[in-house]
Amino acid sequence: MTRLMMHCMDIWESDPDYYAYNSIGYLTTSFAPMREGLEAVHKRHQELGCPSTLVVGEKEVKNYMGNIFYDWQAEKLEVLLHEHRGGHAWSRQAIHGLAIKAEREDVQLLVGPEVTGFQFNSGGEVTVVETDMGNVEAGHVIVAVGPWIKKLWGLLELPLEVPDPYNTGQRTELWRFLALQEGEIEVNPYIHITDDGSRPPLIHVDSDVPLYGEDGRLVWDEPWGIYVKRDKHSVQGGAVPLDVGSDIDVDPYGTRSPYYCVDDKFYDLWVASLAHCMKRYEGKRRFASKKPSGGVGAFSADNFPVFDFMRPNVYIIADSNHGFKMIGVGEQVARILTGKSSELLAPFAYSRFEEQKALPKSNAPFPWM
């Protein structure tokens, strides 16, 4: 995963204007269970020439964060990894930039069709893609549909269960859904600034310290994880997504569905966690946005993507909710489709489930860390 993400950073950094990319770095600080994992990531960074700083020890972590934010006050964080490459992009602008680049290569973008089925020949190849706007004859099919993957997986008549990667001898559903917990507090975004006046890195925190609201009420007493960044007009971030099962209606998607928008419980937890970390966020619960925010993501049985041919002429890009940051995957898929190989995508082949080669399980509250 580290090598693939470095490749993706190369793409983001190749045209930050078109991709609306903010190269601010990424900093994660965590409690003791994450120490071994972050040490392993740092070791890979050193081997691959990716600049990062590892800090170990509660006092050392607090001093490091205190040199960035004068009011940093989080307790019981044992490890910190500061990746000096990385950052985030403004999503709408980035997608628009990608569309412009695609059209310059004479790619025709058809916005709106819904895939309703596939037709196959005797060899198992897809010959026709059926949509609500008519049928399309197909030579090659690339499926990259984010949270709609389970529906198309079924239409392609692919197996919906795999060997459980963490329980030998058992089977489990390949795809399940998590409701994304993201929102913003409507404050001046420049409240989120470093002591030297710089834009902070994207910050991720994992902890098991109990969280209390502004009224002294306990709002969370289990391990938690959050991220926070400065947005254009606010401070934005998220918390651990909620498991909503394997059988849900993805549509209407995102904020158009009342079932998958965040509620007061999210803001109680998220703002309390921000205040636990930085004093500047104390008393800011009342600024929680009233705008709908949320959505669902489709996660694989081991929370990692599936990149593979699933029929002779059908290549699947199933991102397991890593999708937006993985901007470099398309270039690697193009290599495969033109007869080359991709060492970067090989670990994410579907065959890993049947071969019991599932990728490592995270110790973090977040499923994809």
Protein backbone atom coordinates (compact mmCIF):
# COMPACT_ATOMS: atom_id res chain seq x y z
CA MET A 1 0.00 0.00 0.00
CA THR A 2 2.85 2.41 0.82
CA ARG A 3 4.39 2.02 -2.65
CA LEU A 4 1.02 2.51 -4.33
CA MET A 5 0.30 5.64 -2.31
CA MET A 6 3.72 7.06 -3.23
CA HIS A 7 2.87 6.51 -6.89
CA CYS A 8 -0.45 8.29 -6.36
CA MET A 9 1.35 11.22 -4.74
CA ASP A 10 3.54 11.46 -7.84
CA ILE A 11 0.38 11.91 -9.91
CA TRP A 12 -1.16 14.47 -7.54
CA GLU A 13 2.07 16.47 -7.48
CA SER A 14 2.47 16.33 -11.28
CA ASP A 15 -0.28 18.93 -11.80
CA PRO A 16 -1.49 20.41 -8.51
CA ASP A 17 -3.44 23.17 -10.26
CA TYR A 18 -5.64 20.89 -12.36
CA TYR A 19 -5.99 18.43 -9.50
CA ALA A 20 -6.66 21.19 -6.93
CA TYR A 21 -4.08 19.50 -4.74
CA ASN A 22 -2.85 20.91 -1.45
CA SER A 23 0.54 19.43 -0.57
CA ILE A 24 0.42 19.97 3.19
CA GLY A 25 1.57 16.58 4.47
CA TYR A 26 -0.17 14.03 6.66
CA LEU A 27 0.33 13.55 10.38
CA THR A 28 -1.10 10.66 12.39
CA THR A 29 -0.69 10.26 16.12
CA SER A 30 -2.04 7.29 18.01
CA PHE A 31 -2.28 5.28 21.18
CA ALA A 32 -0.07 2.31 22.04
CA PRO A 33 -1.75 -0.40 19.87
CA MET A 34 -0.74 1.51 16.72
CA ARG A 35 2.96 1.85 17.60
CA GLU A 36 4.18 -1.30 15.85
CA GLY A 37 2.19 -0.56 12.69
CA LEU A 38 3.42 3.02 12.38
CA GLU A 39 7.00 1.94 13.03
CA ALA A 40 6.66 -0.53 10.14
CA VAL A 41 5.26 2.19 7.85
CA HIS A 42 8.16 4.49 8.76
CA LYS A 43 10.63 1.74 7.97
CA ARG A 44 9.06 1.32 4.52
CA HIS A 45 9.24 5.09 4.03
CA GLN A 46 12.97 5.00 4.73
CA GLU A 47 13.48 2.10 2.33
CA LEU A 48 11.53 3.85 -0.43
CA GLY A 49 12.94 7.34 0.10
CA CYS A 50 9.70 8.89 1.32
CA PRO A 51 10.39 11.68 3.84
CA SER A 52 8.68 11.15 7.19
CA THR A 53 9.35 11.68 10.89
CA LEU A 54 8.64 9.04 13.54
CA VAL A 55 8.22 10.07 17.18
CA VAL A 56 7.80 7.50 19.96
CA GLY A 57 6.87 8.09 23.59
CA GLU A 58 4.01 10.06 25.17
CA LYS A 59 6.20 12.98 26.29
CA GLU A 60 8.01 13.13 22.95
CA VAL A 61 4.77 13.09 20.97
CA LYS A 62 3.27 15.87 23.08
CA ASN A 63 6.42 17.99 22.66
CA TYR A 64 6.41 17.47 18.87
CA MET A 65 2.75 18.48 18.58
CA GLY A 66 3.29 21.36 20.98
CA ASN A 67 5.93 22.77 18.65
CA ILE A 68 3.28 22.89 15.89
CA PHE A 69 0.24 23.99 17.96
CA TYR A 70 0.80 26.03 21.12
CA ASP A 71 -2.44 24.70 22.64
CA TRP A 72 -2.01 20.99 21.91
CA GLN A 73 -3.23 19.13 25.00
CA ALA A 74 -4.11 15.54 23.99
CA GLU A 75 -3.00 12.90 26.45
CA LYS A 76 -1.84 9.26 26.19
CA LEU A 77 -0.63 9.37 22.57
CA GLU A 78 2.37 7.07 22.27
CA VAL A 79 3.44 7.32 18.63
CA LEU A 80 3.42 9.86 15.81
CA LEU A 81 4.21 9.60 12.12
CA HIS A 82 4.51 12.82 10.15
CA GLU A 83 4.56 12.19 6.40
CA HIS A 84 6.01 15.29 4.77
CA ARG A 85 4.53 14.40 1.38
CA GLY A 86 0.81 14.01 0.98
CA GLY A 87 -2.16 16.24 1.61
CA HIS A 88 -5.64 16.57 0.18
CA ALA A 89 -7.48 17.94 -2.86
CA TRP A 90 -10.67 19.91 -3.40
CA SER A 91 -12.82 17.11 -4.76
CA ARG A 92 -15.10 18.91 -7.23
CA GLN A 93 -12.21 20.85 -8.78
CA ALA A 94 -10.08 17.71 -8.98
CA ILE A 95 -12.81 15.75 -10.79
CA HIS A 96 -13.32 18.67 -13.18
CA GLY A 97 -9.57 18.72 -13.87
CA LEU A 98 -9.57 14.99 -14.58
CA ALA A 99 -12.50 15.40 -16.96
CA ILE A 100 -10.66 18.11 -18.89
CA LYS A 101 -7.58 15.92 -19.20
CA ALA A 102 -9.67 12.97 -20.38
CA GLU A 103 -11.50 15.00 -23.02
CA ARG A 104 -8.18 16.32 -24.33
CA GLU A 105 -7.33 12.67 -25.08
CA ASP A 106 -10.57 12.37 -27.12
CA VAL A 107 -12.33 10.38 -24.40
CA GLN A 108 -16.11 10.71 -24.62
CA LEU A 109 -17.67 11.14 -21.18
CA LEU A 110 -21.33 10.14 -20.91
CA VAL A 111 -22.83 11.43 -17.68
CA GLY A 112 -26.01 9.87 -16.34
CA PRO A 113 -26.50 6.32 -17.66
CA GLU A 114 -27.27 3.63 -15.08
CA VAL A 115 -25.95 0.15 -15.79
CA THR A 116 -28.84 -2.32 -15.56
CA GLY A 117 -27.23 -5.55 -16.80
CA PHE A 118 -24.67 -7.34 -18.93
CA GLN A 119 -24.82 -9.83 -21.79
CA PHE A 120 -22.20 -12.58 -22.01
CA ASN A 121 -20.90 -14.88 -24.70
CA SER A 122 -20.14 -18.58 -24.22
CA GLY A 123 -16.60 -17.77 -23.10
CA GLY A 124 -17.81 -15.59 -20.24
CA GLU A 125 -16.88 -12.28 -21.89
CA VAL A 126 -19.18 -9.30 -21.63
CA THR A 127 -20.42 -8.41 -25.11
CA VAL A 128 -23.06 -5.82 -24.22
CA VAL A 129 -23.49 -3.41 -21.33
CA GLU A 130 -27.17 -2.70 -20.74
CA THR A 131 -28.09 0.77 -19.46
CA ASP A 132 -31.27 2.75 -18.91
CA MET A 133 -30.26 4.84 -21.95
CA GLY A 134 -29.69 1.90 -24.30
CA ASN A 135 -27.25 -0.93 -24.86
CA VAL A 136 -23.54 -0.49 -25.54
CA GLU A 137 -21.47 -3.11 -27.34
CA ALA A 138 -18.28 -3.76 -25.42
CA GLY A 139 -14.78 -4.92 -26.25
CA HIS A 140 -13.32 -4.23 -22.82
CA VAL A 141 -15.21 -3.21 -19.69
CA ILE A 142 -13.65 -1.39 -16.75
CA VAL A 143 -15.87 -1.20 -13.68
CA ALA A 144 -14.98 1.60 -11.26
CA VAL A 145 -18.19 2.51 -9.48
CA GLY A 146 -17.24 3.14 -5.85
CA PRO A 147 -20.07 2.31 -3.43
CA TRP A 148 -22.19 0.75 -6.20
CA ILE A 149 -19.72 -2.12 -6.63
CA LYS A 150 -21.88 -4.74 -4.92
CA LYS A 151 -24.74 -4.14 -7.38
CA LEU A 152 -22.53 -4.47 -10.45
CA TRP A 153 -20.67 -7.38 -8.89
CA GLY A 154 -24.00 -9.17 -8.74
CA LEU A 155 -24.96 -8.18 -12.30
CA LEU A 156 -21.65 -9.67 -13.44
CA GLU A 157 -22.66 -12.91 -11.67
CA LEU A 158 -19.59 -12.92 -9.47
CA PRO A 159 -19.40 -14.67 -6.07
CA LEU A 160 -20.70 -12.55 -3.22
CA GLU A 161 -18.94 -14.57 -0.50
CA VAL A 162 -15.25 -15.28 0.07
CA PRO A 163 -13.23 -17.18 2.67
CA ASP A 164 -13.15 -15.07 5.81
CA PRO A 165 -9.63 -13.56 5.86
CA TYR A 166 -9.53 -13.56 9.66
CA ASN A 167 -11.43 -16.75 10.55
CA THR A 168 -10.06 -19.89 8.91
CA GLY A 169 -12.68 -22.27 7.61
CA GLN A 170 -15.47 -19.69 7.56
CA ARG A 171 -16.93 -17.64 4.74
CA THR A 172 -18.09 -14.05 4.79
CA GLU A 173 -19.72 -11.53 2.51
CA LEU A 174 -17.23 -9.82 0.23
CA TRP A 175 -18.91 -6.40 0.38
CA ARG A 176 -20.38 -4.53 3.32
CA PHE A 177 -21.27 -0.88 3.82
CA LEU A 178 -20.15 1.74 6.30
CA ALA A 179 -21.84 5.10 6.80
CA LEU A 180 -19.21 7.82 6.53
CA GLN A 181 -19.04 10.19 9.49
CA GLU A 182 -17.91 13.56 8.19
CA GLY A 183 -18.87 17.15 8.83
CA GLU A 184 -17.64 20.63 9.62
CA ILE A 185 -17.76 23.38 12.18
CA GLU A 186 -18.62 26.76 10.71
CA VAL A 187 -15.81 28.82 12.16
CA ASN A 188 -13.14 30.94 10.54
CA PRO A 189 -10.93 28.31 8.86
CA TYR A 190 -7.84 30.22 9.94
CA ILE A 191 -8.47 29.07 13.49
CA HIS A 192 -6.80 25.90 12.23
CA ILE A 193 -3.28 27.22 11.78
CA THR A 194 0.19 26.36 13.01
CA ASP A 195 2.20 28.57 15.32
CA ASP A 196 4.36 29.78 12.43
CA GLY A 197 1.31 30.78 10.38
CA SER A 198 1.39 27.79 8.03
CA ARG A 199 -1.43 25.59 6.88
CA PRO A 200 -1.35 22.45 9.09
CA PRO A 201 -0.94 18.96 7.73
CA LEU A 202 -4.00 16.78 7.54
CA ILE A 203 -4.17 15.44 11.10
CA HIS A 204 -5.40 12.00 12.15
CA VAL A 205 -5.72 10.97 15.79
CA ASP A 206 -6.51 7.54 17.29
CA SER A 207 -7.06 7.27 21.01
CA ASP A 208 -8.95 5.48 23.78
CA VAL A 209 -9.22 8.42 26.17
CA PRO A 210 -12.89 8.97 27.22
CA LEU A 211 -14.44 12.06 25.67
CA TYR A 212 -16.70 14.52 27.48
CA GLY A 213 -19.00 17.17 26.07
CA GLU A 214 -19.05 20.82 27.05
CA ASP A 215 -21.73 20.04 29.65
CA GLY A 216 -19.51 17.43 31.30
CA ARG A 217 -21.51 14.53 29.90
CA LEU A 218 -19.59 11.42 28.77
CA VAL A 219 -20.03 11.18 24.99
CA TRP A 220 -17.63 8.33 24.15
CA ASP A 221 -15.75 5.72 26.19
CA GLU A 222 -14.43 3.37 23.49
CA PRO A 223 -11.42 3.69 21.13
CA TRP A 224 -12.00 6.51 18.68
CA GLY A 225 -10.38 7.98 15.61
CA ILE A 226 -10.80 11.34 13.91
CA TYR A 227 -9.24 13.48 11.22
CA VAL A 228 -9.31 17.25 10.79
CA LYS A 229 -8.22 19.74 8.14
CA ARG A 230 -8.75 23.34 7.22
CA ASP A 231 -11.40 23.69 4.54
CA LYS A 232 -12.20 26.66 2.30
CA HIS A 233 -14.79 28.21 4.60
CA SER A 234 -14.73 26.07 7.72
CA VAL A 235 -12.86 23.37 9.62
CA GLN A 236 -13.74 19.94 8.26
CA GLY A 237 -13.14 16.39 9.37
CA GLY A 238 -14.57 13.04 10.28
CA ALA A 239 -14.71 10.10 12.65
CA VAL A 240 -14.84 6.32 12.43
CA PRO A 241 -17.56 5.20 9.99
CA LEU A 242 -20.52 3.17 11.21
CA ASP A 243 -21.21 -0.37 10.02
CA VAL A 244 -24.66 -0.46 8.38
CA GLY A 245 -24.50 -4.04 7.10
CA SER A 246 -24.23 -5.69 3.72
CA ASP A 247 -27.77 -5.20 2.41
CA ILE A 248 -28.65 -1.54 2.01
CA ASP A 249 -30.03 0.84 -0.63
CA VAL A 250 -27.10 2.96 -1.80
CA ASP A 251 -29.51 5.26 -3.65
CA PRO A 252 -30.42 7.98 -3.11
CA TYR A 253 -26.75 8.57 -2.42
CA GLY A 254 -25.05 10.75 0.14
CA THR A 255 -26.83 13.79 1.51
CA ARG A 256 -29.95 12.97 -0.52
CA SER A 257 -30.57 10.05 1.83
CA PRO A 258 -31.71 10.84 5.39
CA TYR A 259 -30.45 7.45 6.55
CA TYR A 260 -26.74 8.09 6.02
CA CYS A 261 -26.30 11.70 7.08
CA VAL A 262 -24.47 12.43 10.30
CA ASP A 263 -26.44 13.33 13.40
CA ASP A 264 -25.81 15.06 16.71
CA LYS A 265 -23.93 12.04 18.07
CA PHE A 266 -21.24 12.52 15.42
CA TYR A 267 -20.76 16.19 16.27
CA ASP A 268 -20.75 15.45 20.02
CA LEU A 269 -17.88 12.99 19.50
CA TRP A 270 -15.95 14.90 16.83
CA VAL A 271 -15.98 18.32 18.48
CA ALA A 272 -15.21 16.78 21.88
CA SER A 273 -12.23 15.01 20.32
CA LEU A 274 -11.03 18.27 18.73
CA ALA A 275 -11.29 20.02 22.10
CA HIS A 276 -9.42 17.14 23.73
CA CYS A 277 -6.60 17.71 21.26
CA MET A 278 -6.50 21.52 21.02
CA LYS A 279 -7.80 24.09 23.48
CA ARG A 280 -8.89 26.39 20.63
CA TYR A 281 -11.79 24.03 19.93
CA GLU A 282 -13.26 24.20 23.40
CA GLY A 283 -16.75 25.72 23.28
CA LYS A 284 -17.13 25.18 19.54
CA ARG A 285 -19.90 22.53 19.58
CA ARG A 286 -22.53 25.20 18.82
CA PHE A 287 -20.85 25.90 15.48
CA ALA A 288 -21.54 22.41 14.14
CA SER A 289 -22.88 22.72 10.60
CA LYS A 290 -26.58 22.13 10.00
CA LYS A 291 -25.96 21.19 6.37
CA PRO A 292 -26.54 17.51 5.50
CA SER A 293 -23.28 15.57 5.37
CA GLY A 294 -22.52 11.92 4.90
CA GLY A 295 -22.68 8.99 2.53
CA VAL A 296 -21.82 5.30 2.44
CA GLY A 297 -18.76 3.40 1.33
CA ALA A 298 -18.46 -0.21 0.17
CA PHE A 299 -15.69 -2.07 2.00
CA SER A 300 -14.20 -5.44 1.09
CA ALA A 301 -13.85 -8.33 3.55
CA ASP A 302 -10.32 -7.18 4.49
CA ASN A 303 -10.95 -3.44 3.92
CA PHE A 304 -8.46 -3.28 1.03
CA PRO A 305 -9.24 -2.66 -2.66
CA VAL A 306 -9.81 -5.32 -5.28
CA PHE A 307 -8.01 -4.65 -8.58
CA ASP A 308 -8.34 -7.58 -10.97
CA PHE A 309 -9.83 -9.15 -14.08
CA MET A 310 -13.05 -10.77 -12.89
CA ARG A 311 -14.14 -11.91 -16.36
CA PRO A 312 -11.93 -12.34 -19.44
CA ASN A 313 -12.59 -8.78 -20.63
CA VAL A 314 -13.82 -7.14 -17.42
CA TYR A 315 -11.38 -5.37 -15.11
CA ILE A 316 -12.65 -4.33 -11.69
CA ILE A 317 -11.43 -1.28 -9.80
CA ALA A 318 -13.15 -1.75 -6.44
CA ASP A 319 -11.52 0.79 -4.17
CA SER A 320 -12.93 -0.22 -0.73
CA ASN A 321 -13.45 3.50 -0.06
CA HIS A 322 -9.80 4.41 -0.72
CA GLY A 323 -10.82 5.66 -4.17
CA PHE A 324 -10.35 9.42 -4.34
CA LYS A 325 -6.79 9.46 -3.02
CA MET A 326 -5.81 6.60 -5.36
CA ILE A 327 -5.55 8.82 -8.41
CA GLY A 328 -2.62 6.79 -9.75
CA VAL A 329 -4.51 3.49 -10.08
CA GLY A 330 -5.84 4.34 -13.55
CA GLU A 331 -2.36 4.62 -15.01
CA GLN A 332 -1.48 1.18 -13.60
CA VAL A 333 -4.68 -0.35 -14.98
CA ALA A 334 -3.84 1.12 -18.38
CA ARG A 335 -0.50 -0.71 -18.21
CA ILE A 336 -2.30 -3.98 -17.57
CA LEU A 337 -4.83 -3.45 -20.36
CA THR A 338 -2.01 -2.81 -22.84
CA GLY A 339 -0.25 -6.08 -22.02
CA LYS A 340 2.14 -4.94 -19.30
CA SER A 341 2.15 -5.81 -15.63
CA SER A 342 1.74 -3.81 -12.44
CA GLU A 343 3.65 -4.76 -9.32
CA LEU A 344 1.80 -2.02 -7.47
CA LEU A 345 -1.64 -3.55 -8.04
CA ALA A 346 -0.66 -7.22 -7.75
CA PRO A 347 -1.17 -7.47 -3.96
CA PHE A 348 -4.80 -6.43 -4.40
CA ALA A 349 -5.84 -9.29 -6.70
CA TYR A 350 -9.12 -11.01 -5.86
CA SER A 351 -7.30 -14.36 -5.62
CA ARG A 352 -5.84 -13.31 -2.26
CA PHE A 353 -9.08 -14.37 -0.57
CA GLU A 354 -9.14 -17.91 -1.96
CA GLU A 355 -5.40 -18.26 -1.39
CA GLN A 356 -5.70 -17.00 2.20
CA LYS A 357 -3.28 -14.17 1.46
CA ALA A 358 -5.40 -11.42 2.93
CA LEU A 359 -3.62 -8.17 3.70
CA PRO A 360 -2.78 -7.23 7.31
CA LYS A 361 -5.55 -6.34 9.72
CA SER A 362 -5.39 -2.86 11.20
CA ASN A 363 -5.24 -2.15 14.94
CA ALA A 364 -6.75 1.29 14.37
CA PRO A 365 -10.38 2.25 15.02
CA PHE A 366 -10.59 3.27 11.35
CA PRO A 367 -11.08 0.25 9.04
CA TRP A 368 -8.64 1.39 6.35
CA MET A 369 -5.65 2.43 8.46
